[in-house]
Amino acid sequence: MRHTLPIYPHVKTIQSDAEGMEVANLLGDSRAMLLRGHGAVTTGSSLSEAVMGMAQLEEQARMNYLAYCAQGKDYTYLSDDLLDEMLNRTPLYEQPHFKDVLKGRPPRSATASGITRSEQRQGRSDVLGQ
């Protein structure tokens, strides 16, 4: 993540308009925040956007955790220049090699090329031509 997520510092359940406004003001322009003792919350212009934001947040948190476990608390972060490389790129779902799969066409399996499931499980590299 490029920016630190806002953290709601209370563990109480938000029950009043005033508490809701406190959360909204803390959220500001961020699309996600952490509610102490409860977990993350994401927003979006649609339900789909909010759900995808949560999926991306969870994946990023998992990757950060794995990096922390592998290298320790001082693991190398990606620089802003490297992160900027991901901006304004064609979405994956618009890439030609994903279009058929995303239109409901089942992905090609190894069995379509004559390799059985048991050969896949056994790692038959001679059958795969490797």
Protein backbone atom coordinates (compact mmCIF):
# COMPACT_ATOMS: atom_id res chain seq x y z
CA MET A 1 0.00 0.00 0.00
CA ARG A 2 1.26 3.40 -0.87
CA HIS A 3 -0.59 5.31 1.85
CA THR A 4 -1.16 4.48 5.49
CA LEU A 5 -4.75 3.57 6.23
CA PRO A 6 -6.67 5.69 8.70
CA ILE A 7 -7.44 3.83 11.93
CA TYR A 8 -10.56 4.45 13.99
CA PRO A 9 -9.07 4.36 17.51
CA HIS A 10 -12.12 3.06 19.40
CA VAL A 11 -13.39 -0.50 19.76
CA LYS A 12 -16.97 0.54 20.51
CA THR A 13 -19.73 -0.26 18.05
CA ILE A 14 -20.70 2.84 16.06
CA GLN A 15 -24.28 3.54 17.08
CA SER A 16 -25.01 7.23 16.67
CA ASP A 17 -24.91 9.72 13.83
CA ALA A 18 -22.13 11.58 15.64
CA GLU A 19 -20.00 8.43 15.85
CA GLY A 20 -20.75 7.69 12.18
CA MET A 21 -19.64 11.19 11.21
CA GLU A 22 -16.45 10.71 13.24
CA VAL A 23 -15.68 7.61 11.16
CA ALA A 24 -16.61 9.35 7.89
CA ASN A 25 -14.42 12.36 8.70
CA LEU A 26 -11.50 10.11 9.61
CA LEU A 27 -11.98 8.16 6.36
CA GLY A 28 -11.76 11.38 4.34
CA ASP A 29 -10.75 10.64 0.74
CA SER A 30 -9.39 7.19 1.56
CA ARG A 31 -11.16 4.17 0.10
CA ALA A 32 -10.35 1.99 3.11
CA MET A 33 -9.79 2.22 6.82
CA LEU A 34 -9.26 0.00 9.83
CA LEU A 35 -11.75 -0.10 12.69
CA ARG A 36 -9.75 -0.99 15.79
CA GLY A 37 -10.98 -4.27 17.20
CA HIS A 38 -13.25 -4.91 14.21
CA GLY A 39 -11.20 -5.04 11.01
CA ALA A 40 -11.18 -3.23 7.71
CA VAL A 41 -13.89 -1.39 5.84
CA THR A 42 -13.77 -0.28 2.21
CA THR A 43 -15.86 2.09 0.14
CA GLY A 44 -16.59 2.51 -3.53
CA SER A 45 -18.94 4.11 -5.99
CA SER A 46 -20.71 0.72 -6.23
CA LEU A 47 -20.98 -2.45 -4.19
CA SER A 48 -18.73 -4.20 -6.69
CA GLU A 49 -16.04 -1.53 -6.32
CA ALA A 50 -16.18 -1.75 -2.51
CA VAL A 51 -15.96 -5.56 -2.58
CA MET A 52 -13.03 -5.51 -5.02
CA GLY A 53 -11.34 -2.90 -2.81
CA MET A 54 -11.65 -5.26 0.16
CA ALA A 55 -10.27 -8.18 -1.85
CA GLN A 56 -7.30 -6.06 -2.93
CA LEU A 57 -6.75 -4.80 0.62
CA GLU A 58 -6.80 -8.33 2.01
CA GLU A 59 -4.36 -9.55 -0.65
CA GLN A 60 -2.01 -6.63 0.00
CA ALA A 61 -2.17 -7.27 3.76
CA ARG A 62 -1.33 -10.95 3.17
CA MET A 63 1.61 -10.06 0.94
CA ASN A 64 2.91 -7.52 3.46
CA TYR A 65 2.64 -10.10 6.23
CA LEU A 66 4.57 -12.67 4.19
CA ALA A 67 7.27 -10.11 3.37
CA TYR A 68 7.51 -9.16 7.02
CA CYS A 69 7.84 -12.84 8.00
CA ALA A 70 10.50 -13.47 5.36
CA GLN A 71 12.65 -10.39 5.82
CA GLY A 72 11.65 -8.85 9.13
CA LYS A 73 10.20 -5.50 10.02
CA ASP A 74 12.67 -3.58 7.83
CA TYR A 75 11.74 -5.34 4.59
CA THR A 76 12.21 -3.38 1.41
CA TYR A 77 9.13 -1.46 0.28
CA LEU A 78 8.41 -0.71 -3.35
CA SER A 79 9.37 2.83 -4.28
CA ASP A 80 6.76 5.29 -5.51
CA ASP A 81 8.39 5.16 -8.96
CA LEU A 82 7.80 1.41 -9.16
CA LEU A 83 4.26 1.75 -7.90
CA ASP A 84 3.58 4.45 -10.51
CA GLU A 85 4.36 1.89 -13.24
CA MET A 86 1.04 0.24 -12.42
CA LEU A 87 -1.03 3.37 -13.01
CA ASN A 88 -3.08 3.95 -16.16
CA ARG A 89 -2.55 0.45 -17.55
CA THR A 90 -5.10 -1.54 -19.51
CA PRO A 91 -7.14 -3.60 -17.03
CA LEU A 92 -6.44 -7.33 -17.14
CA TYR A 93 -10.02 -8.11 -18.15
CA GLU A 94 -9.48 -6.08 -21.33
CA GLN A 95 -6.33 -7.99 -22.34
CA PRO A 96 -6.94 -10.27 -25.36
CA HIS A 97 -5.64 -13.38 -23.62
CA PHE A 98 -8.18 -12.97 -20.78
CA LYS A 99 -11.26 -12.01 -22.80
CA ASP A 100 -12.36 -15.55 -23.71
CA VAL A 101 -11.98 -16.82 -20.17
CA LEU A 102 -13.88 -13.93 -18.69
CA LYS A 103 -16.75 -14.33 -21.18
CA GLY A 104 -17.58 -17.66 -19.57
CA ARG A 105 -15.43 -19.85 -21.77
CA PRO A 106 -13.83 -22.51 -19.62
CA PRO A 107 -10.07 -22.19 -19.41
CA ARG A 108 -8.09 -24.71 -21.40
CA SER A 109 -7.02 -27.61 -19.26
CA ALA A 110 -4.11 -29.96 -19.66
CA THR A 111 -6.60 -32.80 -20.20
CA ALA A 112 -7.62 -31.17 -23.47
CA SER A 113 -4.12 -31.87 -24.73
CA GLY A 114 -4.27 -35.55 -23.80
CA ILE A 115 -2.67 -35.42 -20.35
CA THR A 116 -4.65 -37.28 -17.71
CA ARG A 117 -5.30 -35.92 -14.21
CA SER A 118 -3.13 -38.65 -12.67
CA GLU A 119 -0.26 -37.68 -14.98
CA GLN A 120 -0.68 -34.06 -13.89
CA ARG A 121 -0.55 -35.09 -10.21
CA GLN A 122 2.57 -37.20 -10.85
CA GLY A 123 4.28 -34.28 -12.61
CA ARG A 124 4.87 -36.23 -15.81
CA SER A 125 7.32 -33.83 -17.45
CA ASP A 126 7.98 -36.31 -20.25
CA VAL A 127 4.30 -36.14 -21.23
CA LEU A 128 4.35 -32.35 -21.03
CA GLY A 129 7.37 -32.27 -23.33
CA GLN A 130 9.68 -30.69 -20.77
